[in-house]
Amino acid sequence: MTLLVFNPEPQPVALISPEDREVGKSLLQELVAEVKKINAEARSSASEKLTHIESMAALLLGARGSSQAKMTIKDCPAGRAVLNAAPQQQVAMVLTTMATCVRNQDGDWVRNRIYLDLLKSLLRRKLPYDHASIETILQLVAEEAPTFRLLPVLSIVSNLERFASEHRLSQSIKQSLAGLVEAFGYEFNYAEQQKIGRRLQALLDQVNNTSAQDVPAGAEFESLIRALNTDEAWTNALREDLQ
């Protein structure tokens, strides 16, 4: 069992500024433009044997018939710029890529494929999500219900679990989480979707159960946390029981 440690302080203000969003959007546009250019050059090549970078671009975009390893985002300069951006800017890129994949069904499959590959990479990182970002993520996942074909939902759930273990959830986030649990209440045939539904339900139950308990405030809360972090026999035993 994982112990959810809630911060008794007021909820933090949004960490993602409009400037972060603009920088993130610009970096994404540069990435898409660069990969599309590489792809166009690969397609127009008159040579039967493509260059290394052309082959990598073709593989990134789903081309078949090559034995080379798949290209990753970090294999092009614009991709490396995205992966080296500030964490707040990467959060902005997560929101942009998710919104584009869910809402902009305009047939630009090259862009969407790049965005999905990037999204999978960014979701593996521990990024500084704020409450507004988490609410947006929950809303976008809910918009994709009940198919859940476009987003790596399992990775998203892992980020929700981590956020809940570090922050006191707002009431609106709890409501959105409950709505998502309901969306996964369908009888799915796929094991991954069933697994996601169980994890979301467990997260919601844990959040609700912890919220119902009296949480020490102020100095008492800080004293309790310090005590649990000591290297004494009783605290070590307690931590083992909570694993």
Protein backbone atom coordinates (compact mmCIF):
# COMPACT_ATOMS: atom_id res chain seq x y z
CA MET A 1 0.00 0.00 0.00
CA THR A 2 1.28 3.46 -0.87
CA LEU A 3 0.92 6.20 1.73
CA LEU A 4 -0.43 9.41 0.23
CA VAL A 5 1.23 12.36 1.96
CA PHE A 6 -0.92 15.45 1.53
CA ASN A 7 0.43 18.97 1.80
CA PRO A 8 -1.68 20.94 4.30
CA GLU A 9 -0.65 24.24 2.72
CA PRO A 10 -2.91 26.02 0.18
CA GLN A 11 -2.75 24.65 -3.33
CA PRO A 12 0.08 26.11 -5.40
CA VAL A 13 -0.55 28.57 -8.19
CA ALA A 14 -0.07 27.42 -11.76
CA LEU A 15 3.58 26.80 -12.59
CA ILE A 16 3.16 26.87 -16.36
CA SER A 17 3.33 30.45 -17.61
CA PRO A 18 2.08 31.79 -20.97
CA GLU A 19 5.73 32.21 -21.94
CA ASP A 20 6.37 28.51 -21.28
CA ARG A 21 3.41 27.62 -23.48
CA GLU A 22 4.67 29.80 -26.33
CA VAL A 23 8.18 28.39 -26.17
CA GLY A 24 6.81 24.84 -26.06
CA LYS A 25 4.56 25.50 -29.03
CA SER A 26 7.44 26.96 -31.04
CA LEU A 27 9.71 23.99 -30.30
CA LEU A 28 6.99 21.57 -31.37
CA GLN A 29 6.49 23.42 -34.65
CA GLU A 30 10.22 23.29 -35.35
CA LEU A 31 10.29 19.55 -34.64
CA VAL A 32 7.38 18.80 -36.97
CA ALA A 33 8.82 20.98 -39.73
CA GLU A 34 12.24 19.30 -39.50
CA VAL A 35 10.90 15.73 -39.57
CA LYS A 36 8.52 16.55 -42.43
CA LYS A 37 11.45 17.98 -44.39
CA ILE A 38 13.52 14.86 -43.80
CA ASN A 39 10.58 12.71 -44.82
CA ALA A 40 10.02 14.71 -48.01
CA GLU A 41 13.67 14.37 -48.95
CA ALA A 42 13.51 10.63 -48.36
CA ARG A 43 10.45 10.26 -50.57
CA SER A 44 11.94 12.34 -53.40
CA SER A 45 15.29 10.57 -53.37
CA ALA A 46 16.03 9.00 -56.72
CA SER A 47 18.49 6.58 -55.19
CA GLU A 48 17.30 3.10 -54.29
CA LYS A 49 19.53 3.19 -51.24
CA LEU A 50 18.41 5.91 -48.86
CA THR A 51 20.88 7.80 -46.71
CA HIS A 52 21.02 6.97 -43.02
CA ILE A 53 19.02 10.02 -41.90
CA GLU A 54 16.43 9.50 -44.65
CA SER A 55 15.95 5.91 -43.58
CA MET A 56 15.55 6.93 -39.96
CA ALA A 57 12.93 9.52 -40.91
CA ALA A 58 11.01 6.97 -42.93
CA LEU A 59 11.02 4.58 -39.98
CA LEU A 60 9.84 7.29 -37.58
CA LEU A 61 6.90 7.93 -39.88
CA GLY A 62 5.93 4.28 -40.08
CA ALA A 63 7.55 3.21 -43.35
CA ARG A 64 8.05 -0.53 -43.82
CA GLY A 65 10.58 -2.72 -45.51
CA SER A 66 13.76 -1.54 -43.79
CA SER A 67 15.88 -3.49 -41.37
CA GLN A 68 17.33 -0.41 -39.66
CA ALA A 69 16.44 0.51 -36.11
CA LYS A 70 13.57 2.92 -35.61
CA MET A 71 14.47 6.61 -35.40
CA THR A 72 13.77 8.33 -32.12
CA ILE A 73 13.01 11.97 -31.36
CA LYS A 74 16.56 12.56 -30.11
CA ASP A 75 18.00 11.62 -33.52
CA CYS A 76 17.27 15.06 -34.99
CA PRO A 77 18.42 18.50 -33.70
CA ALA A 78 14.90 19.85 -33.19
CA GLY A 79 14.00 16.74 -31.21
CA ARG A 80 16.99 17.16 -28.95
CA ALA A 81 16.01 20.80 -28.37
CA VAL A 82 12.57 19.62 -27.24
CA LEU A 83 14.00 16.99 -24.90
CA ASN A 84 16.45 19.52 -23.42
CA ALA A 85 13.83 22.22 -22.86
CA ALA A 86 12.95 23.48 -19.38
CA PRO A 87 10.62 21.13 -17.44
CA GLN A 88 7.80 23.71 -17.38
CA GLN A 89 8.04 24.02 -21.15
CA GLN A 90 7.88 20.25 -21.48
CA VAL A 91 4.67 20.23 -19.43
CA ALA A 92 3.25 22.75 -21.90
CA MET A 93 4.29 20.44 -24.76
CA VAL A 94 2.55 17.48 -23.10
CA LEU A 95 -0.71 19.47 -22.99
CA THR A 96 -0.32 20.67 -26.59
CA THR A 97 0.45 17.24 -28.01
CA MET A 98 -2.44 15.64 -26.12
CA ALA A 99 -4.92 18.31 -27.22
CA THR A 100 -3.79 18.06 -30.83
CA CYS A 101 -4.03 14.26 -30.94
CA VAL A 102 -7.51 14.25 -29.40
CA ARG A 103 -9.12 17.33 -30.94
CA ASN A 104 -7.42 18.09 -34.26
CA GLN A 105 -8.43 15.22 -36.51
CA ASP A 106 -7.39 17.06 -39.68
CA GLY A 107 -5.58 14.20 -41.38
CA ASP A 108 -2.05 15.40 -40.57
CA TRP A 109 -0.88 11.92 -39.63
CA VAL A 110 2.80 12.88 -39.83
CA ARG A 111 2.39 15.53 -37.13
CA ASN A 112 0.23 13.28 -34.97
CA ARG A 113 2.71 10.41 -35.21
CA ILE A 114 5.54 12.72 -34.13
CA TYR A 115 3.42 14.07 -31.28
CA LEU A 116 2.55 10.60 -30.01
CA ASP A 117 6.19 9.50 -30.03
CA LEU A 118 7.17 12.67 -28.18
CA LEU A 119 4.31 12.31 -25.70
CA LYS A 120 5.42 8.81 -24.75
CA SER A 121 8.92 10.11 -24.12
CA LEU A 122 7.85 13.11 -22.02
CA LEU A 123 5.40 11.10 -19.92
CA ARG A 124 8.28 8.95 -18.69
CA ARG A 125 9.82 12.02 -17.03
CA LYS A 126 8.97 13.45 -13.64
CA LEU A 127 7.71 16.87 -14.73
CA PRO A 128 6.36 19.69 -12.51
CA TYR A 129 2.64 19.39 -13.27
CA ASP A 130 0.35 21.86 -11.53
CA HIS A 131 -3.32 21.43 -10.68
CA ALA A 132 -4.49 23.17 -13.86
CA SER A 133 -2.34 20.86 -15.98
CA ILE A 134 -3.70 17.75 -14.27
CA GLU A 135 -7.27 18.94 -14.79
CA THR A 136 -6.56 19.50 -18.48
CA ILE A 137 -5.01 16.05 -18.83
CA LEU A 138 -8.03 14.40 -17.18
CA GLN A 139 -10.38 16.32 -19.45
CA LEU A 140 -8.51 15.29 -22.59
CA VAL A 141 -8.43 11.62 -21.59
CA ALA A 142 -12.16 11.77 -20.85
CA GLU A 143 -12.82 13.29 -24.28
CA GLU A 144 -11.28 10.22 -25.87
CA ALA A 145 -13.63 7.87 -24.01
CA PRO A 146 -14.66 5.17 -24.50
CA THR A 147 -12.18 4.14 -27.22
CA PHE A 148 -8.88 5.43 -25.73
CA ARG A 149 -6.99 4.79 -28.97
CA LEU A 150 -4.96 7.97 -29.38
CA LEU A 151 -3.27 8.53 -26.04
CA PRO A 152 -0.83 6.40 -23.97
CA VAL A 153 -3.31 6.26 -21.08
CA LEU A 154 -1.29 3.83 -18.96
CA SER A 155 1.61 6.29 -18.82
CA ILE A 156 -0.82 9.10 -18.02
CA VAL A 157 -2.26 7.10 -15.11
CA SER A 158 1.26 6.65 -13.70
CA ASN A 159 1.68 10.43 -13.70
CA LEU A 160 -1.71 10.88 -11.99
CA GLU A 161 -0.68 8.43 -9.26
CA ARG A 162 2.58 10.26 -8.70
CA PHE A 163 0.87 13.65 -8.57
CA ALA A 164 -1.70 12.37 -6.06
CA SER A 165 1.08 11.03 -3.82
CA GLU A 166 2.69 14.48 -3.64
CA HIS A 167 -0.25 16.91 -3.57
CA ARG A 168 -3.63 17.39 -1.96
CA LEU A 169 -6.06 17.04 -4.85
CA SER A 170 -8.58 19.78 -5.50
CA GLN A 171 -12.26 18.89 -5.50
CA SER A 172 -12.49 19.48 -9.24
CA ILE A 173 -9.67 17.02 -9.89
CA LYS A 174 -11.39 14.43 -7.71
CA GLN A 175 -14.61 14.91 -9.68
CA SER A 176 -12.76 14.59 -12.99
CA LEU A 177 -11.02 11.45 -11.73
CA ALA A 178 -14.38 9.99 -10.70
CA GLY A 179 -15.73 10.73 -14.18
CA LEU A 180 -12.77 8.98 -15.75
CA VAL A 181 -13.30 5.95 -13.52
CA GLU A 182 -16.90 5.84 -14.75
CA ALA A 183 -15.70 6.04 -18.36
CA PHE A 184 -13.55 2.98 -17.73
CA GLY A 185 -16.53 1.19 -16.23
CA TYR A 186 -17.34 -0.29 -19.63
CA GLU A 187 -16.73 -3.99 -20.19
CA PHE A 188 -13.49 -3.69 -22.13
CA ASN A 189 -12.09 -6.75 -23.87
CA TYR A 190 -8.49 -5.57 -23.81
CA ALA A 191 -6.35 -6.44 -20.81
CA GLU A 192 -4.59 -3.06 -20.83
CA GLN A 193 -7.88 -1.14 -20.61
CA GLN A 194 -9.06 -3.37 -17.78
CA LYS A 195 -5.77 -2.76 -15.97
CA ILE A 196 -6.15 1.00 -16.40
CA GLY A 197 -9.68 0.88 -15.02
CA ARG A 198 -8.56 -1.02 -11.92
CA ARG A 199 -5.69 1.39 -11.27
CA LEU A 200 -7.92 4.44 -11.63
CA GLN A 201 -10.49 2.95 -9.26
CA ALA A 202 -7.78 2.12 -6.73
CA LEU A 203 -6.41 5.66 -6.98
CA LEU A 204 -9.85 7.19 -6.47
CA ASP A 205 -10.57 4.93 -3.48
CA GLN A 206 -7.23 5.78 -1.93
CA VAL A 207 -7.73 9.52 -2.41
CA ASN A 208 -11.23 9.40 -0.96
CA ASN A 209 -10.19 7.27 2.01
CA THR A 210 -7.26 9.51 2.85
CA SER A 211 -9.34 12.67 2.48
CA ALA A 212 -11.87 11.30 4.97
CA GLN A 213 -9.24 10.96 7.66
CA ASP A 214 -8.11 13.76 9.94
CA VAL A 215 -4.87 15.14 8.56
CA PRO A 216 -2.58 16.86 11.09
CA ALA A 217 -2.00 20.50 10.26
CA GLY A 218 0.83 22.95 10.61
CA ALA A 219 3.59 22.10 13.08
CA GLU A 220 1.94 18.81 14.11
CA PHE A 221 1.96 17.62 10.50
CA GLU A 222 5.60 18.60 9.98
CA SER A 223 6.56 16.90 13.25
CA LEU A 224 4.86 13.68 12.16
CA ILE A 225 6.63 13.66 8.79
CA ARG A 226 10.00 14.27 10.45
CA ALA A 227 9.34 11.41 12.86
CA LEU A 228 8.46 9.01 10.05
CA ASN A 229 11.68 9.87 8.26
CA THR A 230 13.91 8.98 11.22
CA ASP A 231 15.94 5.79 11.25
CA GLU A 232 14.37 4.28 14.36
CA ALA A 233 13.09 0.73 14.72
CA TRP A 234 9.40 1.65 14.98
CA THR A 235 9.49 3.99 11.96
CA ASN A 236 11.35 1.42 9.87
CA ALA A 237 8.76 -1.21 10.79
CA LEU A 238 5.92 1.17 9.96
CA ARG A 239 7.39 2.03 6.58
CA GLU A 240 7.81 -1.67 5.77
CA ASP A 241 4.17 -2.33 6.66
CA LEU A 242 3.08 0.49 4.34
CA GLN A 243 4.99 -0.82 1.33
